[in-house]
Amino acid sequence: MQIHPDPPDRILRIKTVLARTGLTRSTLYRKMAAGTFPKNMRISTRCMGWRESAIAAWLDNPMHGSPNQVSD
């Protein structure tokens, strides 16, 4: 039997994150600073993004936040 690994996690840009969460940009960054929203990660020199799995987990339970998420 062959086991297939999980597909790689997609990286979402801010416009997609805002559309999926319904948050404003300022609220998103305020929640990140408070530790109640997943941290973003650097994609390139001037580009940041969020792991799709982290956003999905936050959407499943936004009240608990994600204080253990760290930026890469």
N, C-alpha and C. Protein backbone atom coordinates (compact mmCIF):
# COMPACT_ATOMS: atom_id res chain seq x y z
N MET A 1 0.84 -1.18 0.00
CA MET A 1 0.00 0.00 0.00
C MET A 1 0.88 1.24 0.00
N GLN A 2 0.56 2.18 -0.86
CA GLN A 2 1.34 3.40 -0.99
C GLN A 2 0.66 4.52 -0.21
N ILE A 3 1.42 5.20 0.62
CA ILE A 3 0.88 6.32 1.41
C ILE A 3 1.25 7.62 0.70
N HIS A 4 0.23 8.45 0.47
CA HIS A 4 0.47 9.74 -0.17
C HIS A 4 0.56 10.81 0.90
N PRO A 5 1.60 11.63 0.87
CA PRO A 5 1.72 12.70 1.86
C PRO A 5 0.65 13.77 1.62
N ASP A 6 0.39 14.54 2.66
CA ASP A 6 -0.56 15.64 2.52
C ASP A 6 -0.04 16.62 1.47
N PRO A 7 -0.94 17.25 0.73
CA PRO A 7 -0.48 18.24 -0.25
C PRO A 7 0.18 19.41 0.47
N PRO A 8 1.11 20.08 -0.18
CA PRO A 8 1.79 21.20 0.47
C PRO A 8 0.80 22.32 0.81
N ASP A 9 1.10 23.01 1.89
CA ASP A 9 0.27 24.12 2.35
C ASP A 9 0.42 25.31 1.40
N ARG A 10 -0.70 25.86 0.95
CA ARG A 10 -0.64 27.03 0.09
C ARG A 10 -0.38 28.27 0.93
N ILE A 11 0.21 29.27 0.31
CA ILE A 11 0.45 30.56 0.96
C ILE A 11 -0.56 31.55 0.40
N LEU A 12 -1.28 32.21 1.30
CA LEU A 12 -2.30 33.18 0.90
C LEU A 12 -1.78 34.60 1.09
N ARG A 13 -2.08 35.44 0.13
CA ARG A 13 -1.72 36.86 0.21
C ARG A 13 -2.79 37.60 1.00
N ILE A 14 -2.50 38.83 1.38
CA ILE A 14 -3.37 39.57 2.29
C ILE A 14 -4.78 39.78 1.74
N LYS A 15 -4.92 40.06 0.46
CA LYS A 15 -6.26 40.27 -0.10
C LYS A 15 -7.14 39.04 0.06
N THR A 16 -6.55 37.87 -0.14
CA THR A 16 -7.29 36.61 0.02
C THR A 16 -7.64 36.38 1.48
N VAL A 17 -6.69 36.65 2.38
CA VAL A 17 -6.93 36.47 3.81
C VAL A 17 -8.05 37.40 4.28
N LEU A 18 -8.01 38.64 3.85
CA LEU A 18 -9.06 39.60 4.23
C LEU A 18 -10.42 39.16 3.70
N ALA A 19 -10.46 38.67 2.47
CA ALA A 19 -11.72 38.22 1.88
C ALA A 19 -12.27 37.00 2.62
N ARG A 20 -11.41 36.07 2.98
CA ARG A 20 -11.86 34.84 3.66
C ARG A 20 -12.30 35.10 5.10
N THR A 21 -11.62 36.01 5.78
CA THR A 21 -11.91 36.25 7.20
C THR A 21 -12.96 37.32 7.42
N GLY A 22 -13.09 38.25 6.48
CA GLY A 22 -14.02 39.36 6.67
C GLY A 22 -13.45 40.46 7.55
N LEU A 23 -12.15 40.35 7.89
CA LEU A 23 -11.51 41.36 8.73
C LEU A 23 -11.02 42.52 7.87
N THR A 24 -10.85 43.68 8.51
CA THR A 24 -10.18 44.79 7.83
C THR A 24 -8.68 44.60 8.03
N ARG A 25 -7.90 45.29 7.24
CA ARG A 25 -6.44 45.18 7.34
C ARG A 25 -5.96 45.58 8.74
N SER A 26 -6.49 46.68 9.28
CA SER A 26 -6.05 47.15 10.59
C SER A 26 -6.44 46.15 11.69
N THR A 27 -7.63 45.57 11.61
CA THR A 27 -8.06 44.58 12.59
C THR A 27 -7.19 43.34 12.52
N LEU A 28 -6.86 42.90 11.32
CA LEU A 28 -5.99 41.73 11.14
C LEU A 28 -4.65 41.95 11.83
N TYR A 29 -4.02 43.10 11.58
CA TYR A 29 -2.71 43.37 12.18
C TYR A 29 -2.81 43.58 13.69
N ARG A 30 -3.92 44.15 14.16
CA ARG A 30 -4.12 44.31 15.60
C ARG A 30 -4.25 42.94 16.27
N LYS A 31 -4.99 42.02 15.64
CA LYS A 31 -5.13 40.67 16.17
C LYS A 31 -3.79 39.92 16.14
N MET A 32 -3.00 40.12 15.10
CA MET A 32 -1.68 39.50 15.04
C MET A 32 -0.81 39.99 16.20
N ALA A 33 -0.84 41.29 16.46
CA ALA A 33 -0.04 41.87 17.54
C ALA A 33 -0.50 41.34 18.91
N ALA A 34 -1.79 41.07 19.04
CA ALA A 34 -2.34 40.56 20.29
C ALA A 34 -2.13 39.05 20.42
N GLY A 35 -1.71 38.39 19.35
CA GLY A 35 -1.48 36.95 19.39
C GLY A 35 -2.74 36.13 19.18
N THR A 36 -3.79 36.76 18.64
CA THR A 36 -5.05 36.04 18.43
C THR A 36 -5.33 35.76 16.96
N PHE A 37 -4.33 35.94 16.13
CA PHE A 37 -4.44 35.63 14.70
C PHE A 37 -3.09 35.09 14.26
N PRO A 38 -3.08 34.12 13.33
CA PRO A 38 -1.80 33.55 12.88
C PRO A 38 -0.85 34.60 12.34
N LYS A 39 0.41 34.43 12.64
CA LYS A 39 1.46 35.34 12.14
C LYS A 39 1.68 35.09 10.65
N ASN A 40 2.07 36.14 9.96
CA ASN A 40 2.41 35.98 8.55
C ASN A 40 3.86 35.54 8.42
N MET A 41 4.22 35.12 7.22
CA MET A 41 5.59 34.67 6.98
C MET A 41 6.14 35.35 5.73
N ARG A 42 7.43 35.52 5.68
CA ARG A 42 8.07 36.18 4.54
C ARG A 42 8.15 35.21 3.37
N ILE A 43 7.64 35.66 2.22
CA ILE A 43 7.70 34.87 0.99
C ILE A 43 8.92 35.29 0.18
N SER A 44 9.15 36.59 0.12
CA SER A 44 10.33 37.14 -0.55
C SER A 44 10.66 38.45 0.13
N THR A 45 11.57 39.22 -0.43
CA THR A 45 12.05 40.44 0.21
C THR A 45 10.91 41.38 0.60
N ARG A 46 9.97 41.59 -0.28
CA ARG A 46 8.88 42.54 -0.01
C ARG A 46 7.51 41.88 0.00
N CYS A 47 7.45 40.60 0.25
CA CYS A 47 6.19 39.87 0.13
C CYS A 47 5.96 38.99 1.35
N MET A 48 4.77 39.13 1.95
CA MET A 48 4.39 38.33 3.10
C MET A 48 3.13 37.54 2.78
N GLY A 49 2.92 36.45 3.48
CA GLY A 49 1.72 35.65 3.27
C GLY A 49 1.42 34.81 4.51
N TRP A 50 0.29 34.14 4.48
CA TRP A 50 -0.17 33.30 5.58
C TRP A 50 -0.37 31.88 5.08
N ARG A 51 -0.10 30.90 5.91
CA ARG A 51 -0.35 29.51 5.57
C ARG A 51 -1.87 29.30 5.53
N GLU A 52 -2.34 28.67 4.46
CA GLU A 52 -3.77 28.42 4.31
C GLU A 52 -4.30 27.58 5.47
N SER A 53 -3.53 26.63 5.95
CA SER A 53 -3.98 25.78 7.06
C SER A 53 -4.16 26.58 8.34
N ALA A 54 -3.30 27.57 8.57
CA ALA A 54 -3.42 28.41 9.77
C ALA A 54 -4.68 29.27 9.71
N ILE A 55 -4.99 29.79 8.52
CA ILE A 55 -6.19 30.61 8.35
C ILE A 55 -7.43 29.74 8.51
N ALA A 56 -7.40 28.54 7.95
CA ALA A 56 -8.54 27.62 8.08
C ALA A 56 -8.76 27.25 9.54
N ALA A 57 -7.69 27.00 10.29
CA ALA A 57 -7.81 26.66 11.71
C ALA A 57 -8.38 27.84 12.48
N TRP A 58 -7.94 29.05 12.17
CA TRP A 58 -8.47 30.24 12.84
C TRP A 58 -9.95 30.41 12.54
N LEU A 59 -10.34 30.18 11.29
CA LEU A 59 -11.75 30.30 10.92
C LEU A 59 -12.61 29.27 11.65
N ASP A 60 -12.05 28.09 11.92
CA ASP A 60 -12.78 27.06 12.66
C ASP A 60 -13.02 27.47 14.11
N ASN A 61 -12.10 28.24 14.69
CA ASN A 61 -12.23 28.65 16.08
C ASN A 61 -11.55 30.00 16.31
N PRO A 62 -12.15 31.10 15.84
CA PRO A 62 -11.51 32.42 15.95
C PRO A 62 -11.39 32.94 17.38
N MET A 63 -12.16 32.42 18.31
CA MET A 63 -12.11 32.91 19.69
C MET A 63 -10.82 32.50 20.40
N HIS A 64 -10.24 31.38 20.01
CA HIS A 64 -9.03 30.91 20.68
C HIS A 64 -7.76 31.50 20.10
N GLY A 65 -7.83 32.00 18.88
CA GLY A 65 -6.65 32.59 18.27
C GLY A 65 -5.56 31.57 18.02
N SER A 66 -4.38 32.05 17.75
CA SER A 66 -3.24 31.18 17.45
C SER A 66 -1.97 31.75 18.06
N PRO A 67 -1.92 31.87 19.39
CA PRO A 67 -0.73 32.48 19.99
C PRO A 67 0.54 31.68 19.79
N ASN A 68 0.44 30.39 19.44
CA ASN A 68 1.64 29.58 19.26
C ASN A 68 2.20 29.66 17.85
N GLN A 69 1.53 30.33 16.94
CA GLN A 69 2.04 30.47 15.58
C GLN A 69 3.17 31.48 15.58
N VAL A 70 4.25 31.16 14.92
CA VAL A 70 5.38 32.08 14.82
C VAL A 70 5.64 32.38 13.35
N SER A 71 6.22 33.54 13.10
CA SER A 71 6.53 33.88 11.72
C SER A 71 7.82 33.20 11.31
N ASP A 72 7.96 32.90 10.04
CA ASP A 72 9.17 32.25 9.53
C ASP A 72 10.15 33.29 9.08
